[in-house]
Amino acid sequence: MSLRVIKAGLLDTIQDTGRWGYQHLGVNVSGAMDRFSAQLANALLGKALSDPVIEMHFPAATIQFQEACIICITGADFSPCINGTAISINQPVVVSKDACLTSKAWNAGARCYLATLQPLKIEPWLNSYSTSYKLGAGGFKGRPLQKNDVIDFYSTADVQKLLQAKPVGPLHWMAAGIHTDFEEVQFVIGNEWYELNTAMQTQFLNQVFTISLASDRMGYRLQGTPLQTEKLLSLVSSAVNFGTIQLLPNGQLIVLMADHQTTGGYPRIGHVITAHLPHLAQARPHDSFRFALTNGSVAEEKLMAQHKYLVQLQNACKFKIENLLHAVR
C-alpha cells in the first residue's frame, strides 16, 4: 500500500542524513536541514535514525494514507491534523486507512518531518535517499513532491485494530523536540578568522544578524553591519561544509546549509557547531540571532549528548512498537 499527495506543498522532499563520500566528485551531501528532528521522527517509531523521511515547509502538502499506519511528525509546528482532528508533534500517531494529513496554521519553526512506521519504497542514489533536486537525482524522481505522487510502502503493519473505529489515535509516548526559539548560535573559528582584526572580531561577536529573504537550503544570507578583513584576500577554493560561515565581498555573511556547494573561495571565518545547526535550520527569514564563540571540545560534547539522547529514545521506542504490534496480532 502507499501514501498519496493530494495537494502539493511549498517544497516537500524525501530526505535522510545525507549523501556522504562523494564531495570530491562535486556531489553535495544534501540531506535534511534539521537532521536532529529528522532522526527524532524515526527514533520515536523505533526505526533506524537514517531512514528516509519527508521534509515539509509551510504550507505543507496534504497527504492521504491509503492504509492504516503509524506516523510521527517532528520539527516545526504547522498545526497538523488528521481528518480535521489536531495531533501533536513529537508523538507517534495511528491513522486510519484513507485518512488525510493537513497543516492548518503555522505556529513555530521552518520545516517539519514526517516519518512512517512502514518504510517508504524509495530507491537510494549513491547510498542515500536524499533529494538533490538541483541535480535532479535521489529521493522521489529527483524532485519535490507533486500532486498525485504515490509513494509505496515496502511492507505493511496491521495497526487498524489500535484505532477502535476512530480515524486517529495518539500513542502514549512523546519526546522533547528542537527549540525553534533561540537567541544565539555557537560556532568555532574558521581558517580566515584571524584575517579579521580585533575590532572586526568584536563587532562580529556583539552584533545581531538577521536572516535575509534571499536564503534557501543552499545557504542563509545574513544582514548586519558589514565586516572587512585587514587586507584583500585572494583564496584558492577550498572545502566547505554545512555550517561554514563565509564572508562575502560586500562584507555580509552567508551560512552554508544542507544543499551547500562542495568548495568555496570566500573567507571562512567560522563554522556553526553541528549541534546548533538544527536551531538554525528552524529559523525563518527576518529571524535574528547572535553568534557565540566556543571550542571543539564543547561542540563535540553537545553533539554526543544529542546522539546519545536519540539512540536511547530509539531503543526504548523500538521496544514499545514491537510490544504494540505483538499485542494486536
Protein backbone atom coordinates (compact mmCIF):
# COMPACT_ATOMS: atom_id res chain seq x y z
CA MET A 1 0.00 0.00 0.00
CA SER A 2 1.03 3.63 -0.12
CA LEU A 3 0.59 7.29 0.65
CA ARG A 4 -0.66 9.78 -1.92
CA VAL A 5 -0.02 13.51 -2.26
CA ILE A 6 -3.48 15.08 -2.58
CA LYS A 7 -2.17 18.64 -2.65
CA ALA A 8 1.45 19.64 -3.14
CA GLY A 9 3.22 21.72 -0.53
CA LEU A 10 5.72 24.54 -0.90
CA LEU A 11 8.85 22.36 -1.10
CA ASP A 12 8.34 18.82 0.18
CA THR A 13 11.15 16.36 -0.47
CA ILE A 14 12.43 12.98 0.66
CA GLN A 15 15.50 13.42 2.89
CA ASP A 16 17.74 11.41 5.20
CA THR A 17 21.02 12.14 6.99
CA GLY A 18 22.87 12.92 3.76
CA ARG A 19 24.88 11.56 0.85
CA TRP A 20 28.40 11.18 2.18
CA GLY A 21 31.63 10.28 0.41
CA TYR A 22 31.13 11.97 -2.96
CA GLN A 23 32.10 15.58 -2.28
CA HIS A 24 35.39 15.07 -4.14
CA LEU A 25 33.28 14.39 -7.24
CA GLY A 26 31.30 17.60 -6.78
CA VAL A 27 28.20 15.84 -5.39
CA ASN A 28 26.96 17.67 -2.30
CA VAL A 29 25.79 15.92 0.85
CA SER A 30 22.23 17.37 0.91
CA GLY A 31 20.04 15.59 3.49
CA ALA A 32 17.61 17.03 6.00
CA MET A 33 18.12 20.65 7.00
CA ASP A 34 17.24 19.79 10.61
CA ARG A 35 18.90 16.41 10.97
CA PHE A 36 18.07 16.16 14.65
CA SER A 37 14.31 16.43 14.01
CA ALA A 38 14.50 14.03 11.05
CA GLN A 39 16.25 11.46 13.25
CA LEU A 40 13.85 12.17 16.13
CA ALA A 41 10.86 11.24 13.95
CA ASN A 42 12.48 7.87 13.20
CA ALA A 43 13.60 7.35 16.80
CA LEU A 44 10.05 7.80 18.10
CA LEU A 45 8.97 4.97 15.79
CA GLY A 46 11.90 2.76 16.80
CA LYS A 47 13.36 2.92 13.28
CA ALA A 48 16.93 3.41 12.06
CA LEU A 49 17.86 7.07 12.57
CA SER A 50 18.98 7.40 8.95
CA ASP A 51 15.74 6.13 7.37
CA PRO A 52 14.13 8.46 4.80
CA VAL A 53 11.52 10.98 5.92
CA ILE A 54 9.51 13.69 4.19
CA GLU A 55 10.74 17.23 4.84
CA MET A 56 7.89 19.75 4.56
CA HIS A 57 7.60 23.55 4.60
CA PHE A 58 4.52 25.66 5.24
CA PRO A 59 2.11 25.50 3.52
CA ALA A 60 2.75 21.76 3.62
CA ALA A 61 1.31 19.02 1.44
CA THR A 62 -1.99 17.27 2.06
CA ILE A 63 -1.19 13.56 2.27
CA GLN A 64 -3.62 10.65 2.19
CA PHE A 65 -2.60 7.34 3.79
CA GLN A 66 -4.00 4.52 1.70
CA GLU A 67 -3.66 2.04 4.51
CA ALA A 68 -3.74 2.32 8.30
CA CYS A 69 -0.31 3.20 9.58
CA ILE A 70 1.66 4.82 12.40
CA ILE A 71 3.23 8.18 11.70
CA CYS A 72 5.25 10.78 13.59
CA ILE A 73 5.80 14.47 12.86
CA THR A 74 8.69 16.44 14.34
CA GLY A 75 10.42 19.78 13.89
CA ALA A 76 8.27 22.80 13.06
CA ASP A 77 4.71 23.08 14.36
CA PHE A 78 2.29 23.58 11.45
CA SER A 79 -0.82 22.62 13.47
CA PRO A 80 -1.06 19.15 11.88
CA CYS A 81 -4.47 17.48 11.66
CA ILE A 82 -5.76 14.07 10.65
CA ASN A 83 -9.23 14.36 9.09
CA GLY A 84 -9.60 17.70 10.87
CA THR A 85 -8.54 16.35 14.30
CA ALA A 86 -5.46 18.09 15.71
CA ILE A 87 -2.50 15.87 16.51
CA SER A 88 0.66 16.62 18.48
CA ILE A 89 4.14 16.84 17.06
CA ASN A 90 6.90 14.69 18.60
CA GLN A 91 4.36 11.95 19.34
CA PRO A 92 3.59 8.80 17.29
CA VAL A 93 0.02 8.63 16.00
CA VAL A 94 -2.01 5.78 14.48
CA VAL A 95 -4.03 6.91 11.45
CA SER A 96 -6.80 5.01 9.66
CA LYS A 97 -6.99 3.92 6.06
CA ASP A 98 -7.70 6.85 3.68
CA ALA A 99 -7.09 9.41 6.45
CA CYS A 100 -5.66 12.76 5.32
CA LEU A 101 -2.88 14.77 6.93
CA THR A 102 -3.21 18.54 6.63
CA SER A 103 -1.43 21.52 8.17
CA LYS A 104 -3.83 24.20 9.38
CA ALA A 105 -1.61 27.08 10.52
CA TRP A 106 1.99 27.99 11.12
CA ASN A 107 2.94 28.12 14.81
CA ALA A 108 6.71 27.80 15.00
CA GLY A 109 9.75 26.70 13.03
CA ALA A 110 10.56 26.47 9.34
CA ARG A 111 10.30 22.79 8.40
CA CYS A 112 8.76 19.62 9.78
CA TYR A 113 9.47 15.94 9.20
CA LEU A 114 7.03 13.12 8.56
CA ALA A 115 8.13 9.55 9.29
CA THR A 116 6.02 6.43 8.76
CA LEU A 117 6.44 3.13 10.57
CA GLN A 118 6.08 1.33 7.25
CA PRO A 119 9.28 2.02 5.27
CA LEU A 120 8.93 4.28 2.23
CA LYS A 121 9.70 2.45 -1.01
CA ILE A 122 12.38 4.79 -2.33
CA GLU A 123 15.42 3.71 -4.33
CA PRO A 124 18.74 5.05 -2.99
CA TRP A 125 21.11 7.05 -5.18
CA LEU A 126 24.79 6.95 -4.18
CA ASN A 127 23.84 5.28 -0.89
CA SER A 128 21.34 7.93 0.16
CA TYR A 129 17.61 8.57 -0.19
CA SER A 130 18.00 12.35 -0.03
CA THR A 131 16.62 14.51 -2.82
CA SER A 132 19.22 16.58 -4.63
CA TYR A 133 16.68 18.46 -6.71
CA LYS A 134 19.23 20.79 -8.33
CA LEU A 135 20.88 17.68 -9.76
CA GLY A 136 17.52 16.01 -10.40
CA ALA A 137 18.59 12.90 -8.51
CA GLY A 138 17.75 10.97 -5.36
CA GLY A 139 14.55 10.97 -3.35
CA PHE A 140 11.34 10.63 -5.35
CA LYS A 141 12.23 11.12 -9.02
CA GLY A 142 14.88 13.67 -8.04
CA ARG A 143 12.35 16.44 -7.36
CA PRO A 144 9.94 17.91 -4.79
CA LEU A 145 6.69 16.00 -4.32
CA GLN A 146 3.82 16.94 -6.62
CA LYS A 147 0.07 16.43 -6.64
CA ASN A 148 -0.94 12.79 -7.26
CA ASP A 149 2.51 11.41 -6.45
CA VAL A 150 2.19 7.97 -4.85
CA ILE A 151 4.91 6.54 -2.60
CA ASP A 152 4.53 2.86 -1.82
CA PHE A 153 5.48 1.17 1.43
CA TYR A 154 7.93 -1.72 1.46
CA SER A 155 5.80 -3.58 3.99
CA THR A 156 2.51 -3.35 5.85
CA ALA A 157 1.65 -3.29 9.54
CA ASP A 158 -1.69 -4.42 10.94
CA VAL A 159 -2.48 -1.42 13.13
CA GLN A 160 -6.15 -0.80 12.25
CA LYS A 161 -7.23 -2.61 15.44
CA LEU A 162 -5.48 0.02 17.54
CA LEU A 163 -7.92 2.68 16.37
CA GLN A 164 -11.15 1.10 17.62
CA ALA A 165 -13.11 2.63 14.71
CA LYS A 166 -11.60 6.10 15.20
CA PRO A 167 -9.72 7.92 12.39
CA VAL A 168 -6.74 8.76 14.60
CA GLY A 169 -5.23 7.59 17.87
CA PRO A 170 -2.11 9.01 19.58
CA LEU A 171 0.26 6.55 21.20
CA HIS A 172 1.24 7.02 24.81
CA TRP A 173 4.80 8.33 24.43
CA MET A 174 6.35 11.53 23.16
CA ALA A 175 9.65 13.41 23.33
CA ALA A 176 11.18 16.85 23.50
CA GLY A 177 11.92 18.34 20.10
CA ILE A 178 14.36 21.01 18.99
CA HIS A 179 13.89 24.56 20.27
CA THR A 180 12.64 26.78 17.46
CA ASP A 181 13.00 29.93 19.59
CA PHE A 182 16.69 30.75 20.15
CA GLU A 183 18.90 33.81 20.57
CA GLU A 184 22.41 32.56 19.82
CA VAL A 185 24.22 30.04 17.65
CA GLN A 186 27.59 28.72 18.75
CA PHE A 187 30.49 28.46 16.32
CA VAL A 188 34.17 27.54 16.21
CA ILE A 189 36.71 29.71 14.42
CA GLY A 190 37.49 29.10 10.75
CA ASN A 191 40.70 29.31 8.73
CA GLU A 192 40.32 33.02 7.98
CA TRP A 193 39.07 34.17 11.41
CA TYR A 194 42.34 35.95 12.13
CA GLU A 195 42.11 37.88 8.87
CA LEU A 196 39.60 39.97 10.85
CA ASN A 197 41.29 42.42 13.21
CA THR A 198 40.28 42.60 16.86
CA ALA A 199 37.73 45.34 16.22
CA MET A 200 36.05 43.30 13.45
CA GLN A 201 36.05 40.15 15.58
CA THR A 202 34.40 42.06 18.41
CA GLN A 203 31.85 43.54 16.02
CA PHE A 204 31.04 40.05 14.72
CA LEU A 205 30.53 38.69 18.24
CA ASN A 206 28.46 41.62 19.51
CA GLN A 207 26.07 42.34 16.68
CA VAL A 208 22.70 40.79 15.88
CA PHE A 209 22.31 39.23 12.44
CA THR A 210 19.03 38.89 10.57
CA ILE A 211 18.27 36.13 8.08
CA SER A 212 17.61 37.59 4.64
CA LEU A 213 14.75 36.69 2.33
CA ALA A 214 17.45 35.57 -0.13
CA SER A 215 18.00 32.35 1.84
CA ASP A 216 17.30 28.73 0.94
CA ARG A 217 18.52 25.17 1.51
CA MET A 218 21.86 26.10 -0.05
CA GLY A 219 22.67 28.98 2.31
CA TYR A 220 21.31 31.60 4.71
CA ARG A 221 22.34 35.14 3.76
CA LEU A 222 22.65 37.32 6.85
CA GLN A 223 22.10 41.05 7.17
CA GLY A 224 24.20 43.08 9.59
CA THR A 225 26.86 45.78 9.79
CA PRO A 226 29.43 44.91 7.08
CA LEU A 227 32.68 43.26 8.13
CA GLN A 228 36.02 43.57 6.38
CA THR A 229 39.37 41.80 6.53
CA GLU A 230 42.69 43.57 7.19
CA LYS A 231 43.76 43.04 3.58
CA LEU A 232 42.16 41.98 0.32
CA LEU A 233 42.22 38.20 0.20
CA SER A 234 42.62 36.06 -2.90
CA LEU A 235 41.88 32.50 -1.86
CA VAL A 236 42.04 29.18 -3.65
CA SER A 237 38.67 27.40 -3.48
CA SER A 238 38.70 25.04 -0.52
CA ALA A 239 36.36 22.53 1.05
CA VAL A 240 33.30 23.91 2.85
CA ASN A 241 30.68 22.22 4.96
CA PHE A 242 27.16 22.52 6.37
CA GLY A 243 27.51 25.42 8.81
CA THR A 244 30.53 27.16 7.25
CA ILE A 245 30.28 30.95 7.76
CA GLN A 246 31.63 32.77 4.72
CA LEU A 247 32.44 36.46 4.39
CA LEU A 248 31.14 37.82 1.08
CA PRO A 249 32.85 40.64 -0.89
CA ASN A 250 30.17 43.13 0.26
CA GLY A 251 31.01 42.50 3.90
CA GLN A 252 27.90 40.46 4.63
CA LEU A 253 27.85 36.81 5.71
CA ILE A 254 26.36 33.59 4.41
CA VAL A 255 25.97 30.40 6.44
CA LEU A 256 26.09 27.36 4.19
CA MET A 257 23.21 24.93 4.71
CA ALA A 258 22.31 21.37 3.68
CA ASP A 259 22.49 21.86 -0.12
CA HIS A 260 25.75 23.82 0.00
CA GLN A 261 28.37 23.56 -2.73
CA THR A 262 31.38 21.32 -2.06
CA THR A 263 34.03 24.05 -2.33
CA GLY A 264 34.14 27.82 -1.97
CA GLY A 265 36.59 30.70 -2.32
CA TYR A 266 35.23 33.22 0.20
CA PRO A 267 36.93 33.61 3.60
CA ARG A 268 35.70 31.03 6.12
CA ILE A 269 35.59 32.95 9.37
CA GLY A 270 33.79 30.23 11.34
CA HIS A 271 31.72 27.07 11.40
CA VAL A 272 28.41 26.68 13.24
CA ILE A 273 28.70 23.68 15.56
CA THR A 274 26.76 20.64 14.37
CA ALA A 275 24.57 20.51 17.49
CA HIS A 276 23.27 24.03 16.76
CA LEU A 277 22.56 23.54 13.06
CA PRO A 278 19.04 22.24 13.86
CA HIS A 279 18.24 25.54 15.62
CA LEU A 280 19.43 27.48 12.60
CA ALA A 281 17.57 25.15 10.22
CA GLN A 282 14.31 26.03 12.01
CA ALA A 283 14.88 29.78 11.62
CA ARG A 284 12.94 31.77 9.03
CA PRO A 285 13.62 34.95 7.05
CA HIS A 286 13.63 38.03 9.33
CA ASP A 287 14.58 35.93 12.40
CA SER A 288 17.59 37.36 14.27
CA PHE A 289 20.35 35.85 16.40
CA ARG A 290 23.91 36.34 17.66
CA PHE A 291 26.97 34.16 17.21
CA ALA A 292 28.73 32.87 20.33
CA LEU A 293 32.30 31.56 20.21
CA THR A 294 33.01 28.09 21.59
CA ASN A 295 35.64 25.38 21.09
CA GLY A 296 35.86 21.92 19.59
CA SER A 297 35.56 20.10 22.90
CA VAL A 298 32.27 21.79 23.77
CA ALA A 299 30.98 21.23 20.22
CA GLU A 300 31.80 17.52 20.47
CA GLU A 301 30.15 17.18 23.90
CA LYS A 302 26.93 18.79 22.67
CA LEU A 303 26.81 16.60 19.57
CA MET A 304 27.47 13.42 21.56
CA ALA A 305 24.72 14.36 24.05
CA GLN A 306 22.25 14.78 21.15
CA HIS A 307 23.25 11.45 19.64
CA LYS A 308 23.04 9.65 22.99
CA TYR A 309 19.53 11.03 23.51
CA LEU A 310 18.40 9.86 20.07
CA VAL A 311 19.88 6.37 20.42
CA GLN A 312 18.37 5.84 23.88
CA LEU A 313 15.00 7.06 22.63
CA GLN A 314 15.22 4.86 19.54
CA ASN A 315 15.93 1.75 21.61
CA ALA A 316 13.10 2.45 24.06
CA CYS A 317 10.58 3.18 21.29
CA LYS A 318 11.58 0.13 19.29
CA PHE A 319 10.68 -1.99 22.32
CA LYS A 320 7.34 -0.15 22.69
CA ILE A 321 6.45 -0.54 18.99
CA GLU A 322 7.32 -4.24 18.97
CA ASN A 323 5.13 -4.84 22.03
CA LEU A 324 2.29 -2.84 20.48
CA LEU A 325 2.38 -4.78 17.22
CA HIS A 326 2.62 -8.09 19.06
CA ALA A 327 -0.48 -7.21 21.09
CA VAL A 328 -2.67 -6.72 18.01
CA ARG A 329 -1.66 -9.90 16.17
